[in-house]
Protein backbone atom coordinates (compact mmCIF):
# COMPACT_ATOMS: atom_id res chain seq x y z
CA MET A 1 80.65 91.73 101.15
CA ALA A 2 79.30 92.50 104.31
CA THR A 3 81.10 95.93 106.78
CA THR A 4 81.30 96.71 109.76
CA SER A 5 83.01 99.05 111.88
CA CYS A 6 86.81 100.06 112.42
CA GLY A 7 88.56 97.87 114.94
CA PRO A 8 90.91 95.38 115.27
CA ALA A 9 90.76 92.43 113.63
CA SER A 10 93.43 89.66 115.23
CA ASP A 11 93.86 88.09 118.57
CA GLY A 12 97.45 89.51 118.30
CA PRO A 13 100.40 91.43 116.93
CA GLY A 14 100.93 89.44 114.00
CA SER A 15 98.27 87.03 113.25
CA GLY A 16 96.04 89.11 110.60
CA PRO A 17 96.08 91.59 108.71
CA VAL A 18 97.00 95.16 109.44
CA PRO A 19 93.63 96.91 109.63
CA PRO A 20 93.14 99.21 107.04
CA CYS A 21 91.27 102.07 108.16
CA SER A 22 94.33 102.60 110.07
CA LEU A 23 96.15 103.16 107.23
CA LEU A 24 94.99 106.25 105.58
CA THR A 25 93.08 109.00 106.72
CA VAL A 26 89.31 110.84 105.81
CA PRO A 27 91.38 114.03 106.20
CA GLU A 28 94.06 112.77 104.27
CA ILE A 29 91.98 112.04 101.31
CA ARG A 30 90.42 115.30 101.48
CA ALA A 31 93.94 117.08 101.02
CA ALA A 32 94.24 115.21 97.54
CA ILE A 33 91.16 114.65 97.05
CA ASP A 34 88.37 117.75 97.83
CA ALA A 35 85.06 116.56 98.61
CA ALA A 36 83.40 115.46 101.98
CA TRP A 37 84.18 111.38 102.39
CA SER A 38 82.50 109.50 104.31
CA PRO A 39 84.48 108.15 107.16
CA GLY A 40 85.95 104.16 106.86
CA ARG A 41 84.30 101.24 106.57
CA GLN A 42 85.81 98.13 107.10
CA GLN A 43 85.13 95.33 104.99
CA VAL A 44 85.22 91.62 105.00
CA SER A 45 86.46 89.58 101.52
CA GLU A 46 83.77 86.92 100.84
CA GLY A 47 85.86 85.09 98.63
CA ASP A 48 89.31 85.73 101.12
CA THR A 49 88.72 84.82 104.60
CA ASP A 50 92.23 87.08 105.60
CA ALA A 51 91.77 89.96 103.78
CA ILE A 52 90.00 92.91 104.82
CA GLY A 53 89.10 96.07 103.66
CA CYS A 54 87.97 99.64 104.33
CA ALA A 55 86.02 101.72 102.23
CA PHE A 56 85.44 105.77 101.74
CA SER A 57 83.34 107.05 99.68
CA SER A 58 82.06 110.63 98.29
CA PRO A 59 80.09 111.68 95.24
CA LYS A 60 83.21 112.51 93.51
CA GLY A 61 84.18 108.56 94.09
CA PHE A 62 85.78 105.90 95.93
CA VAL A 63 89.08 104.82 97.93
CA ILE A 64 89.29 101.47 99.28
CA LEU A 65 92.02 99.18 101.31
CA TRP A 66 92.42 95.89 101.51
CA SER A 67 94.58 93.99 103.58
CA SER A 68 96.05 91.03 104.14
CA ALA A 69 99.24 88.93 105.60
CA GLN A 70 98.27 85.45 104.73
CA ASP A 71 100.11 84.24 101.55
CA ALA A 72 101.05 88.05 101.27
CA GLU A 73 103.71 87.53 99.17
CA ALA A 74 102.94 85.21 97.34
CA GLY A 75 99.65 87.61 96.77
CA TYR A 76 101.68 90.00 96.06
CA ARG A 77 104.12 88.37 93.17
CA SER A 78 100.22 87.20 91.95
CA SER A 79 99.22 90.81 91.13
CA ARG A 80 102.44 92.15 90.03
CA ALA A 81 102.14 89.37 87.78
CA ALA A 82 99.29 89.17 86.16
CA PRO A 83 98.88 91.05 82.22
CA THR A 84 95.92 92.87 83.38
CA GLN A 85 97.53 95.47 85.55
CA GLN A 86 100.23 96.24 82.88
CA PRO A 87 101.99 98.58 82.61
CA GLN A 88 103.70 98.78 86.04
CA GLN A 89 104.76 101.74 87.16
CA ASP A 90 108.23 100.60 90.33
CA LEU A 91 107.20 102.10 93.51
CA SER A 92 109.74 100.06 95.46
CA GLY A 93 111.15 101.20 98.38
CA VAL A 94 113.66 100.21 100.77
CA GLY A 95 112.18 97.77 103.43
CA TYR A 96 109.42 97.29 100.96
CA GLU A 97 108.05 96.52 97.23
CA GLY A 98 105.08 98.04 95.06
CA TYR A 99 104.15 99.20 91.79
CA ALA A 100 101.23 100.98 90.01
CA TYR A 101 98.63 100.26 88.13
CA THR A 102 95.93 102.25 86.47
CA SER A 103 93.08 101.05 84.34
CA PRO A 104 91.29 101.97 80.94
CA GLY A 105 88.79 102.79 83.31
CA ASN A 106 90.85 105.02 85.13
CA VAL A 107 91.30 103.37 88.14
CA GLN A 108 94.20 103.71 89.74
CA GLU A 109 95.68 101.11 91.97
CA VAL A 110 98.84 100.58 94.43
CA HIS A 111 100.03 96.81 95.88
CA LEU A 112 102.56 96.98 98.39
CA LEU A 113 104.54 94.68 100.40
CA LYS A 114 106.24 95.25 103.38
CA GLY A 115 107.44 92.16 105.63
CA ASP A 116 103.67 90.20 106.18
CA ALA A 117 101.89 93.05 104.89
CA TYR A 118 100.45 92.51 101.52
CA VAL A 119 97.92 96.20 100.64
CA SER A 120 95.82 97.19 98.55
CA VAL A 121 94.38 100.53 97.65
CA ALA A 122 91.86 101.48 94.73
CA VAL A 123 91.20 105.26 93.51
CA GLY A 124 88.36 105.55 91.76
CA ALA A 125 86.94 108.61 90.30
CA GLY A 126 89.43 110.60 87.73
CA ALA A 127 91.82 110.88 90.58
CA PRO A 128 94.32 112.95 89.63
CA PRO A 129 97.48 111.50 88.56
CA GLY A 130 99.59 110.33 91.51
CA THR A 131 96.87 110.40 93.90
CA ALA A 132 97.00 105.96 94.69
CA ARG A 133 100.83 106.60 94.53
CA HIS A 134 100.84 109.72 97.36
CA PHE A 135 97.97 107.09 99.23
CA GLY A 136 101.15 104.40 99.08
CA ASP A 137 102.95 106.56 100.33
CA LEU A 138 101.04 107.15 103.37
CA VAL A 139 99.97 103.30 103.97
CA VAL A 140 103.53 102.28 103.67
CA ALA A 141 104.29 104.61 106.53
CA GLY A 142 101.63 102.82 109.06
CA LEU A 143 102.92 99.50 108.01
CA PRO A 144 105.06 97.44 110.88
């Protein structure tokens, strides 16, 4: 996985994924998980050249966002159908679809589809229940 500084990742509006580092801030994360957090660092996926990530870290754990635009609906549907991501809590609202899942290792995940954007948020380190859902609410508000 390669990292770069956060910034626009596309050639123009609608031509690529929403820059994930613009969707969640350190103060928003700190308000939910009291710790010293690093600024978000943009990551490029080696396996999916359309997906870009943004990783925040602290001594208490991590928050990682992934954003994709290419085949966004198919990617979202595939993740929602994965048997390993069950049971799910539906988070769909007006103008978007979403679900939350907590892994056996206590990593909370939220997956959101709004228009041509598919964004996932993963929260580790035993964050309080509902933390990923809260971050999902903040993220979906920032999606076009």
